[in-house]
């Protein structure tokens, strides 16, 4: 009887953990920002100041040739507007990249 009860408890916990993971995945947002960066120093300035972009930032990737910065963050802790303000605090002009509407 104890084994059956423990098995049921483990099953319920597993289902609960899966549901919690799915909820966490829905909060993650990826935004590409166009910036005014033009050199490797600018890239280092961004990467060394990731905390300036705000709370909940999970990943930052800089594409110098395209002058773009991709930021993955938790939308419950941050927003595009706050990240733009964070870039401004390190003297980098940035704005969310507009979606390409051409087909």
PDB file of N, CA and C in Angstrom:
ATOM      1  N   UNK A   1       0.818  -1.190   0.000  1.00  0.00           N
ATOM      2  CA  UNK A   1       0.000   0.000   0.000  1.00  0.00           C
ATOM      3  C   UNK A   1       0.867   1.262   0.000  1.00  0.00           C
ATOM      4  N   UNK A   2       1.972   1.241   0.762  1.00  0.00           N
ATOM      5  CA  UNK A   2       2.861   2.392   0.813  1.00  0.00           C
ATOM      6  C   UNK A   2       3.489   2.647  -0.553  1.00  0.00           C
ATOM      7  N   UNK A   3       3.826   1.565  -1.264  1.00  0.00           N
ATOM      8  CA  UNK A   3       4.445   1.731  -2.582  1.00  0.00           C
ATOM      9  C   UNK A   3       3.484   2.396  -3.567  1.00  0.00           C
ATOM     10  N   UNK A   4       2.238   2.003  -3.523  1.00  0.00           N
ATOM     11  CA  UNK A   4       1.238   2.590  -4.413  1.00  0.00           C
ATOM     12  C   UNK A   4       1.039   4.065  -4.080  1.00  0.00           C
ATOM     13  N   UNK A   5       0.979   4.386  -2.802  1.00  0.00           N
ATOM     14  CA  UNK A   5       0.811   5.768  -2.371  1.00  0.00           C
ATOM     15  C   UNK A   5       2.008   6.621  -2.796  1.00  0.00           C
ATOM     16  N   UNK A   6       3.219   6.097  -2.636  1.00  0.00           N
ATOM     17  CA  UNK A   6       4.425   6.827  -3.029  1.00  0.00           C
ATOM     18  C   UNK A   6       4.466   7.025  -4.550  1.00  0.00           C
ATOM     19  N   UNK A   7       4.057   6.013  -5.302  1.00  0.00           N
ATOM     20  CA  UNK A   7       4.029   6.113  -6.760  1.00  0.00           C
ATOM     21  C   UNK A   7       3.042   7.197  -7.199  1.00  0.00           C
ATOM     22  N   UNK A   8       1.870   7.236  -6.585  1.00  0.00           N
ATOM     23  CA  UNK A   8       0.875   8.266  -6.904  1.00  0.00           C
ATOM     24  C   UNK A   8       1.390   9.659  -6.558  1.00  0.00           C
ATOM     25  N   UNK A   9       2.050   9.789  -5.435  1.00  0.00           N
ATOM     26  CA  UNK A   9       2.614  11.076  -5.022  1.00  0.00           C
ATOM     27  C   UNK A   9       3.680  11.539  -6.016  1.00  0.00           C
ATOM     28  N   UNK A  10       4.551  10.631  -6.436  1.00  0.00           N
ATOM     29  CA  UNK A  10       5.593  10.975  -7.404  1.00  0.00           C
ATOM     30  C   UNK A  10       4.976  11.387  -8.737  1.00  0.00           C
ATOM     31  N   UNK A  11       3.912  10.708  -9.153  1.00  0.00           N
ATOM     32  CA  UNK A  11       3.236  11.039 -10.400  1.00  0.00           C
ATOM     33  C   UNK A  11       2.618  12.433 -10.338  1.00  0.00           C
ATOM     34  N   UNK A  12       1.965  12.747  -9.238  1.00  0.00           N
ATOM     35  CA  UNK A  12       1.349  14.064  -9.069  1.00  0.00           C
ATOM     36  C   UNK A  12       2.422  15.155  -9.069  1.00  0.00           C
ATOM     37  N   UNK A  13       3.537  14.923  -8.406  1.00  0.00           N
ATOM     38  CA  UNK A  13       4.617  15.900  -8.371  1.00  0.00           C
ATOM     39  C   UNK A  13       5.199  16.110  -9.766  1.00  0.00           C
ATOM     40  N   UNK A  14       5.360  15.027 -10.519  1.00  0.00           N
ATOM     41  CA  UNK A  14       5.896  15.131 -11.876  1.00  0.00           C
ATOM     42  C   UNK A  14       5.002  15.945 -12.782  1.00  0.00           C
ATOM     43  N   UNK A  15       3.706  15.717 -12.706  1.00  0.00           N
ATOM     44  CA  UNK A  15       2.751  16.474 -13.514  1.00  0.00           C
ATOM     45  C   UNK A  15       2.780  17.949 -13.113  1.00  0.00           C
ATOM     46  N   UNK A  16       2.861  18.218 -11.835  1.00  0.00           N
ATOM     47  CA  UNK A  16       2.921  19.606 -11.354  1.00  0.00           C
ATOM     48  C   UNK A  16       4.168  20.320 -11.829  1.00  0.00           C
ATOM     49  N   UNK A  17       5.291  19.633 -11.841  1.00  0.00           N
ATOM     50  CA  UNK A  17       6.542  20.242 -12.295  1.00  0.00           C
ATOM     51  C   UNK A  17       6.485  20.538 -13.787  1.00  0.00           C
ATOM     52  N   UNK A  18       5.879  19.645 -14.570  1.00  0.00           N
ATOM     53  CA  UNK A  18       5.738  19.884 -16.006  1.00  0.00           C
ATOM     54  C   UNK A  18       4.865  21.106 -16.266  1.00  0.00           C
ATOM     55  N   UNK A  19       3.785  21.238 -15.540  1.00  0.00           N
ATOM     56  CA  UNK A  19       2.897  22.388 -15.698  1.00  0.00           C
ATOM     57  C   UNK A  19       3.608  23.683 -15.326  1.00  0.00           C
ATOM     58  N   UNK A  20       4.403  23.641 -14.276  1.00  0.00           N
ATOM     59  CA  UNK A  20       5.138  24.836 -13.849  1.00  0.00           C
ATOM     60  C   UNK A  20       6.172  25.231 -14.900  1.00  0.00           C
ATOM     61  N   UNK A  21       6.824  24.261 -15.526  1.00  0.00           N
ATOM     62  CA  UNK A  21       7.816  24.554 -16.559  1.00  0.00           C
ATOM     63  C   UNK A  21       7.154  25.198 -17.774  1.00  0.00           C
ATOM     64  N   UNK A  22       5.990  24.699 -18.164  1.00  0.00           N
ATOM     65  CA  UNK A  22       5.278  25.284 -19.301  1.00  0.00           C
ATOM     66  C   UNK A  22       4.875  26.715 -19.007  1.00  0.00           C
ATOM     67  N   UNK A  23       4.456  26.997 -17.787  1.00  0.00           N
ATOM     68  CA  UNK A  23       4.085  28.361 -17.405  1.00  0.00           C
ATOM     69  C   UNK A  23       5.304  29.276 -17.455  1.00  0.00           C
ATOM     70  N   UNK A  24       6.457  28.780 -17.034  1.00  0.00           N
ATOM     71  CA  UNK A  24       7.681  29.584 -17.058  1.00  0.00           C
ATOM     72  C   UNK A  24       8.117  29.869 -18.488  1.00  0.00           C
ATOM     73  N   UNK A  25       7.942  28.905 -19.393  1.00  0.00           N
ATOM     74  CA  UNK A  25       8.323  29.109 -20.782  1.00  0.00           C
ATOM     75  C   UNK A  25       7.488  30.197 -21.447  1.00  0.00           C
ATOM     76  N   UNK A  26       6.250  30.353 -21.059  1.00  0.00           N
ATOM     77  CA  UNK A  26       5.377  31.347 -21.660  1.00  0.00           C
ATOM     78  C   UNK A  26       5.772  32.759 -21.263  1.00  0.00           C
ATOM     79  N   UNK A  27       6.498  32.923 -20.184  1.00  0.00           N
ATOM     80  CA  UNK A  27       6.907  34.234 -19.704  1.00  0.00           C
ATOM     81  C   UNK A  27       8.168  34.730 -20.403  1.00  0.00           C
ATOM     82  N   UNK A  28       8.883  33.865 -21.091  1.00  0.00           N
ATOM     83  CA  UNK A  28      10.138  34.235 -21.727  1.00  0.00           C
ATOM     84  C   UNK A  28       9.864  34.912 -23.066  1.00  0.00           C
ATOM     85  N   UNK A  29      10.492  36.079 -23.257  1.00  0.00           N
ATOM     86  CA  UNK A  29      10.319  36.858 -24.477  1.00  0.00           C
ATOM     87  C   UNK A  29      11.688  37.079 -25.109  1.00  0.00           C
ATOM     88  N   UNK A  30      11.748  36.982 -26.431  1.00  0.00           N
ATOM     89  CA  UNK A  30      12.973  37.280 -27.176  1.00  0.00           C
ATOM     90  C   UNK A  30      12.700  38.487 -28.057  1.00  0.00           C
ATOM     91  N   UNK A  31      13.491  39.538 -27.896  1.00  0.00           N
ATOM     92  CA  UNK A  31      13.334  40.756 -28.682  1.00  0.00           C
ATOM     93  C   UNK A  31      14.662  41.121 -29.316  1.00  0.00           C
ATOM     94  N   UNK A  32      14.609  41.503 -30.593  1.00  0.00           N
ATOM     95  CA  UNK A  32      15.793  41.984 -31.301  1.00  0.00           C
ATOM     96  C   UNK A  32      15.733  43.506 -31.310  1.00  0.00           C
ATOM     97  N   UNK A  33      16.824  44.128 -30.880  1.00  0.00           N
ATOM     98  CA  UNK A  33      16.909  45.588 -30.846  1.00  0.00           C
ATOM     99  C   UNK A  33      17.903  46.052 -31.901  1.00  0.00           C
ATOM    100  N   UNK A  34      17.540  47.082 -32.661  1.00  0.00           N
ATOM    101  CA  UNK A  34      18.499  47.722 -33.551  1.00  0.00           C
ATOM    102  C   UNK A  34      19.218  48.785 -32.733  1.00  0.00           C
ATOM    103  N   UNK A  35      20.529  48.865 -32.914  1.00  0.00           N
ATOM    104  CA  UNK A  35      21.342  49.755 -32.083  1.00  0.00           C
ATOM    105  C   UNK A  35      22.263  50.615 -32.941  1.00  0.00           C
ATOM    106  N   UNK A  36      22.998  51.491 -32.280  1.00  0.00           N
ATOM    107  CA  UNK A  36      23.964  52.345 -32.965  1.00  0.00           C
ATOM    108  C   UNK A  36      25.401  51.874 -32.743  1.00  0.00           C
ATOM    109  N   UNK A  37      25.591  50.603 -32.395  1.00  0.00           N
ATOM    110  CA  UNK A  37      26.948  50.096 -32.139  1.00  0.00           C
ATOM    111  C   UNK A  37      27.723  50.017 -33.448  1.00  0.00           C
ATOM    112  N   UNK A  38      29.042  50.244 -33.345  1.00  0.00           N
ATOM    113  CA  UNK A  38      29.845  50.208 -34.567  1.00  0.00           C
ATOM    114  C   UNK A  38      31.245  49.637 -34.380  1.00  0.00           C
ATOM    115  N   UNK A  39      31.532  49.112 -33.175  1.00  0.00           N
ATOM    116  CA  UNK A  39      32.875  48.571 -32.964  1.00  0.00           C
ATOM    117  C   UNK A  39      32.852  47.497 -31.875  1.00  0.00           C
ATOM    118  N   UNK A  40      33.967  46.817 -31.748  1.00  0.00           N
ATOM    119  CA  UNK A  40      34.072  45.749 -30.748  1.00  0.00           C
ATOM    120  C   UNK A  40      34.005  46.309 -29.323  1.00  0.00           C
ATOM    121  N   UNK A  41      34.440  47.545 -29.139  1.00  0.00           N
ATOM    122  CA  UNK A  41      34.345  48.181 -27.816  1.00  0.00           C
ATOM    123  C   UNK A  41      32.881  48.308 -27.387  1.00  0.00           C
ATOM    124  N   UNK A  42      32.014  48.649 -28.341  1.00  0.00           N
ATOM    125  CA  UNK A  42      30.583  48.760 -28.036  1.00  0.00           C
ATOM    126  C   UNK A  42      30.012  47.406 -27.612  1.00  0.00           C
ATOM    127  N   UNK A  43      30.446  46.358 -28.281  1.00  0.00           N
ATOM    128  CA  UNK A  43      29.989  45.006 -27.939  1.00  0.00           C
ATOM    129  C   UNK A  43      30.409  44.670 -26.515  1.00  0.00           C
ATOM    130  N   UNK A  44      31.661  44.951 -26.177  1.00  0.00           N
ATOM    131  CA  UNK A  44      32.157  44.676 -24.824  1.00  0.00           C
ATOM    132  C   UNK A  44      31.406  45.506 -23.782  1.00  0.00           C
ATOM    133  N   UNK A  45      31.091  46.754 -24.138  1.00  0.00           N
ATOM    134  CA  UNK A  45      30.366  47.623 -23.205  1.00  0.00           C
ATOM    135  C   UNK A  45      28.994  47.015 -22.885  1.00  0.00           C
ATOM    136  N   UNK A  46      28.317  46.493 -23.895  1.00  0.00           N
ATOM    137  CA  UNK A  46      27.011  45.870 -23.669  1.00  0.00           C
ATOM    138  C   UNK A  46      27.159  44.606 -22.834  1.00  0.00           C
ATOM    139  N   UNK A  47      28.081  43.734 -23.224  1.00  0.00           N
ATOM    140  CA  UNK A  47      28.230  42.445 -22.542  1.00  0.00           C
ATOM    141  C   UNK A  47      28.711  42.610 -21.097  1.00  0.00           C
ATOM    142  N   UNK A  48      29.486  43.635 -20.826  1.00  0.00           N
ATOM    143  CA  UNK A  48      29.968  43.870 -19.464  1.00  0.00           C
ATOM    144  C   UNK A  48      28.920  44.561 -18.583  1.00  0.00           C
ATOM    145  N   UNK A  49      27.840  45.043 -19.191  1.00  0.00           N
ATOM    146  CA  UNK A  49      26.809  45.773 -18.444  1.00  0.00           C
ATOM    147  C   UNK A  49      25.425  45.163 -18.602  1.00  0.00           C
ATOM    148  N   UNK A  50      25.355  43.862 -18.779  1.00  0.00           N
ATOM    149  CA  UNK A  50      24.060  43.186 -18.933  1.00  0.00           C
ATOM    150  C   UNK A  50      23.120  43.489 -17.759  1.00  0.00           C
ATOM    151  N   UNK A  51      23.582  43.537 -16.511  1.00  0.00           N
ATOM    152  CA  UNK A  51      22.654  43.879 -15.414  1.00  0.00           C
ATOM    153  C   UNK A  51      21.984  45.251 -15.581  1.00  0.00           C
ATOM    154  N   UNK A  52      22.607  46.152 -16.332  1.00  0.00           N
ATOM    155  CA  UNK A  52      22.012  47.474 -16.568  1.00  0.00           C
ATOM    156  C   UNK A  52      20.743  47.394 -17.402  1.00  0.00           C
ATOM    157  N   UNK A  53      20.572  46.282 -18.120  1.00  0.00           N
ATOM    158  CA  UNK A  53      19.385  46.130 -18.973  1.00  0.00           C
ATOM    159  C   UNK A  53      18.142  45.803 -18.168  1.00  0.00           C
ATOM    160  N   UNK A  54      18.306  45.479 -16.906  1.00  0.00           N
ATOM    161  CA  UNK A  54      17.167  45.240 -16.039  1.00  0.00           C
ATOM    162  C   UNK A  54      17.096  43.815 -15.538  1.00  0.00           C
ATOM    163  N   UNK A  55      16.097  43.581 -14.701  1.00  0.00           N
ATOM    164  CA  UNK A  55      15.914  42.261 -14.091  1.00  0.00           C
ATOM    165  C   UNK A  55      15.358  41.279 -15.113  1.00  0.00           C
ATOM    166  N   UNK A  56      15.612  40.009 -14.880  1.00  0.00           N
ATOM    167  CA  UNK A  56      15.011  38.959 -15.688  1.00  0.00           C
ATOM    168  C   UNK A  56      15.686  38.683 -17.011  1.00  0.00           C
ATOM    169  N   UNK A  57      16.806  39.356 -17.301  1.00  0.00           N
ATOM    170  CA  UNK A  57      17.516  39.107 -18.565  1.00  0.00           C
ATOM    171  C   UNK A  57      18.213  37.761 -18.465  1.00  0.00           C
ATOM    172  N   UNK A  58      17.899  36.872 -19.410  1.00  0.00           N
ATOM    173  CA  UNK A  58      18.445  35.522 -19.388  1.00  0.00           C
ATOM    174  C   UNK A  58      19.578  35.327 -20.379  1.00  0.00           C
ATOM    175  N   UNK A  59      19.547  36.058 -21.498  1.00  0.00           N
ATOM    176  CA  UNK A  59      20.577  35.891 -22.522  1.00  0.00           C
ATOM    177  C   UNK A  59      20.663  37.155 -23.360  1.00  0.00           C
ATOM    178  N   UNK A  60      21.882  37.491 -23.771  1.00  0.00           N
ATOM    179  CA  UNK A  60      22.124  38.638 -24.635  1.00  0.00           C
ATOM    180  C   UNK A  60      23.103  38.198 -25.717  1.00  0.00           C
ATOM    181  N   UNK A  61      22.737  38.444 -26.972  1.00  0.00           N
ATOM    182  CA  UNK A  61      23.620  38.141 -28.097  1.00  0.00           C
ATOM    183  C   UNK A  61      23.748  39.395 -28.945  1.00  0.00           C
ATOM    184  N   UNK A  62      24.986  39.731 -29.295  1.00  0.00           N
ATOM    185  CA  UNK A  62      25.257  40.938 -30.071  1.00  0.00           C
ATOM    186  C   UNK A  62      25.731  40.535 -31.459  1.00  0.00           C
ATOM    187  N   UNK A  63      25.105  41.111 -32.489  1.00  0.00           N
ATOM    188  CA  UNK A  63      25.509  40.891 -33.878  1.00  0.00           C
ATOM    189  C   UNK A  63      26.028  42.225 -34.403  1.00  0.00           C
ATOM    190  N   UNK A  64      27.345  42.404 -34.347  1.00  0.00           N
ATOM    191  CA  UNK A  64      27.957  43.684 -34.714  1.00  0.00           C
ATOM    192  C   UNK A  64      27.727  44.046 -36.182  1.00  0.00           C
ATOM    193  N   UNK A  65      27.921  43.130 -37.141  1.00  0.00           N
ATOM    194  CA  UNK A  65      27.697  43.522 -38.543  1.00  0.00           C
ATOM    195  C   UNK A  65      26.273  44.011 -38.832  1.00  0.00           C
ATOM    196  N   UNK A  66      25.282  43.434 -38.170  1.00  0.00           N
ATOM    197  CA  UNK A  66      23.891  43.852 -38.371  1.00  0.00           C
ATOM    198  C   UNK A  66      23.484  44.984 -37.431  1.00  0.00           C
ATOM    199  N   UNK A  67      24.337  45.292 -36.454  1.00  0.00           N
ATOM    200  CA  UNK A  67      24.060  46.302 -35.428  1.00  0.00           C
ATOM    201  C   UNK A  67      22.802  45.948 -34.641  1.00  0.00           C
ATOM    202  N   UNK A  68      22.678  44.656 -34.303  1.00  0.00           N
ATOM    203  CA  UNK A  68      21.511  44.174 -33.574  1.00  0.00           C
ATOM    204  C   UNK A  68      21.925  43.486 -32.278  1.00  0.00           C
ATOM    205  N   UNK A  69      21.064  43.606 -31.283  1.00  0.00           N
ATOM    206  CA  UNK A  69      21.253  42.922 -30.009  1.00  0.00           C
ATOM    207  C   UNK A  69      19.973  42.144 -29.720  1.00  0.00           C
ATOM    208  N   UNK A  70      20.126  40.838 -29.499  1.00  0.00           N
ATOM    209  CA  UNK A  70      18.990  39.988 -29.168  1.00  0.00           C
ATOM    210  C   UNK A  70      18.986  39.760 -27.673  1.00  0.00           C
ATOM    211  N   UNK A  71      17.864  40.060 -27.038  1.00  0.00           N
ATOM    212  CA  UNK A  71      17.745  39.920 -25.588  1.00  0.00           C
ATOM    213  C   UNK A  71      16.600  38.949 -25.278  1.00  0.00           C
ATOM    214  N   UNK A  72      16.909  37.938 -24.464  1.00  0.00           N
ATOM    215  CA  UNK A  72      15.901  36.994 -23.978  1.00  0.00           C
ATOM    216  C   UNK A  72      15.675  37.343 -22.511  1.00  0.00           C
ATOM    217  N   UNK A  73      14.402  37.583 -22.146  1.00  0.00           N
ATOM    218  CA  UNK A  73      14.121  38.008 -20.777  1.00  0.00           C
ATOM    219  C   UNK A  73      12.762  37.503 -20.309  1.00  0.00           C
ATOM    220  N   UNK A  74      12.587  37.561 -18.996  1.00  0.00           N
ATOM    221  CA  UNK A  74      11.329  37.171 -18.351  1.00  0.00           C
ATOM    222  C   UNK A  74      10.388  38.372 -18.395  1.00  0.00           C
ATOM    223  N   UNK A  75       9.259  38.218 -19.096  1.00  0.00           N
ATOM    224  CA  UNK A  75       8.343  39.352 -19.281  1.00  0.00           C
ATOM    225  C   UNK A  75       7.627  39.765 -18.003  1.00  0.00           C
ATOM    226  N   UNK A  76       7.688  38.942 -16.961  1.00  0.00           N
ATOM    227  CA  UNK A  76       7.077  39.349 -15.694  1.00  0.00           C
ATOM    228  C   UNK A  76       7.993  40.282 -14.909  1.00  0.00           C
ATOM    229  N   UNK A  77       9.272  40.339 -15.295  1.00  0.00           N
ATOM    230  CA  UNK A  77      10.236  41.163 -14.570  1.00  0.00           C
ATOM    231  C   UNK A  77      10.759  42.341 -15.381  1.00  0.00           C
ATOM    232  N   UNK A  78      10.519  42.359 -16.694  1.00  0.00           N
ATOM    233  CA  UNK A  78      11.103  43.386 -17.536  1.00  0.00           C
ATOM    234  C   UNK A  78      10.215  43.628 -18.751  1.00  0.00           C
ATOM    235  N   UNK A  79      10.551  44.656 -19.537  1.00  0.00           N
ATOM    236  CA  UNK A  79       9.798  44.968 -20.757  1.00  0.00           C
ATOM    237  C   UNK A  79      10.758  45.580 -21.769  1.00  0.00           C
ATOM    238  N   UNK A  80      10.302  45.679 -23.027  1.00  0.00           N
ATOM    239  CA  UNK A  80      11.129  46.297 -24.063  1.00  0.00           C
ATOM    240  C   UNK A  80      11.499  47.731 -23.692  1.00  0.00           C
ATOM    241  N   UNK A  81      10.540  48.472 -23.146  1.00  0.00           N
ATOM    242  CA  UNK A  81      10.805  49.868 -22.778  1.00  0.00           C
ATOM    243  C   UNK A  81      11.891  49.975 -21.707  1.00  0.00           C
ATOM    244  N   UNK A  82      11.841  49.099 -20.713  1.00  0.00           N
ATOM    245  CA  UNK A  82      12.863  49.123 -19.661  1.00  0.00           C
ATOM    246  C   UNK A  82      14.233  48.749 -20.214  1.00  0.00           C
ATOM    247  N   UNK A  83      14.259  47.818 -21.161  1.00  0.00           N
ATOM    248  CA  UNK A  83      15.541  47.419 -21.746  1.00  0.00           C
ATOM    249  C   UNK A  83      16.118  48.566 -22.571  1.00  0.00           C
ATOM    250  N   UNK A  84      15.272  49.299 -23.299  1.00  0.00           N
ATOM    251  CA  UNK A  84      15.736  50.476 -24.044  1.00  0.00           C
ATOM    252  C   UNK A  84      16.333  51.497 -23.080  1.00  0.00           C
ATOM    253  N   UNK A  85      15.692  51.693 -21.930  1.00  0.00           N
ATOM    254  CA  UNK A  85      16.230  52.607 -20.906  1.00  0.00           C
ATOM    255  C   UNK A  85      17.570  52.096 -20.378  1.00  0.00           C
ATOM    256  N   UNK A  86      17.688  50.772 -20.237  1.00  0.00           N
ATOM    257  CA  UNK A  86      18.951  50.180 -19.799  1.00  0.00           C
ATOM    258  C   UNK A  86      20.067  50.432 -20.801  1.00  0.00           C
ATOM    259  N   UNK A  87      19.751  50.288 -22.085  1.00  0.00           N
ATOM    260  CA  UNK A  87      20.747  50.608 -23.114  1.00  0.00           C
ATOM    261  C   UNK A  87      21.139  52.077 -23.032  1.00  0.00           C
ATOM    262  N   UNK A  88      20.156  52.949 -22.819  1.00  0.00           N
ATOM    263  CA  UNK A  88      20.438  54.384 -22.725  1.00  0.00           C
ATOM    264  C   UNK A  88      21.360  54.683 -21.547  1.00  0.00           C
ATOM    265  N   UNK A  89      21.222  53.914 -20.464  1.00  0.00           N
ATOM    266  CA  UNK A  89      22.075  54.159 -19.287  1.00  0.00           C
ATOM    267  C   UNK A  89      23.544  53.850 -19.570  1.00  0.00           C
ATOM    268  N   UNK A  90      23.808  53.029 -20.576  1.00  0.00           N
ATOM    269  CA  UNK A  90      25.212  52.754 -20.954  1.00  0.00           C
ATOM    270  C   UNK A  90      25.557  53.457 -22.269  1.00  0.00           C
ATOM    271  N   UNK A  91      24.720  54.433 -22.623  1.00  0.00           N
ATOM    272  CA  UNK A  91      24.925  55.301 -23.785  1.00  0.00           C
ATOM    273  C   UNK A  91      24.919  54.548 -25.113  1.00  0.00           C
ATOM    274  N   UNK A  92      23.951  53.637 -25.251  1.00  0.00           N
ATOM    275  CA  UNK A  92      23.726  52.921 -26.504  1.00  0.00           C
ATOM    276  C   UNK A  92      22.280  53.196 -26.918  1.00  0.00           C
ATOM    277  N   UNK A  93      22.104  53.726 -28.120  1.00  0.00           N
ATOM    278  CA  UNK A  93      20.753  53.964 -28.629  1.00  0.00           C
ATOM    279  C   UNK A  93      20.212  52.644 -29.153  1.00  0.00           C
ATOM    280  N   UNK A  94      19.002  52.296 -28.733  1.00  0.00           N
ATOM    281  CA  UNK A  94      18.393  51.032 -29.146  1.00  0.00           C
ATOM    282  C   UNK A  94      16.892  51.195 -29.257  1.00  0.00           C
ATOM    283  N   UNK A  95      16.311  50.409 -30.156  1.00  0.00           N
ATOM    284  CA  UNK A  95      14.858  50.335 -30.256  1.00  0.00           C
ATOM    285  C   UNK A  95      14.488  48.943 -30.753  1.00  0.00           C
ATOM    286  N   UNK A  96      13.341  48.456 -30.334  1.00  0.00           N
ATOM    287  CA  UNK A  96      12.924  47.122 -30.788  1.00  0.00           C
ATOM    288  C   UNK A  96      12.795  47.107 -32.310  1.00  0.00           C
ATOM    289  N   UNK A  97      13.303  46.052 -32.911  1.00  0.00           N
ATOM    290  CA  UNK A  97      13.250  45.932 -34.366  1.00  0.00           C
ATOM    291  C   UNK A  97      11.817  45.654 -34.795  1.00  0.00           C
ATOM    292  N   UNK A  98      11.397  46.396 -35.792  1.00  0.00           N
ATOM    293  CA  UNK A  98      10.043  46.208 -36.305  1.00  0.00           C
ATOM    294  C   UNK A  98       9.986  44.949 -37.157  1.00  0.00           C
ATOM    295  N   UNK A  99       8.880  44.249 -37.081  1.00  0.00           N
ATOM    296  CA  UNK A  99       8.695  43.030 -37.874  1.00  0.00           C
ATOM    297  C   UNK A  99       8.617  43.392 -39.347  1.00  0.00           C
ATOM    298  N   UNK A 100       9.224  42.568 -40.183  1.00  0.00           N
ATOM    299  CA  UNK A 100       9.206  42.786 -41.622  1.00  0.00           C
ATOM    300  C   UNK A 100       7.839  42.393 -42.157  1.00  0.00           C
ATOM    301  N   UNK A 101       7.106  43.336 -42.743  1.00  0.00           N
ATOM    302  CA  UNK A 101       5.754  43.061 -43.210  1.00  0.00           C
ATOM    303  C   UNK A 101       5.721  42.661 -44.683  1.00  0.00           C
ATOM    304  N   UNK A 102       6.847  42.691 -45.370  1.00  0.00           N
ATOM    305  CA  UNK A 102       6.893  42.302 -46.779  1.00  0.00           C
ATOM    306  C   UNK A 102       6.813  40.790 -46.895  1.00  0.00           C
ATOM    307  N   UNK A 103       6.109  40.335 -47.943  1.00  0.00           N
ATOM    308  CA  UNK A 103       6.029  38.897 -48.203  1.00  0.00           C
ATOM    309  C   UNK A 103       6.482  38.587 -49.589  1.00  0.00           C
TER     310      UNK A 103
END
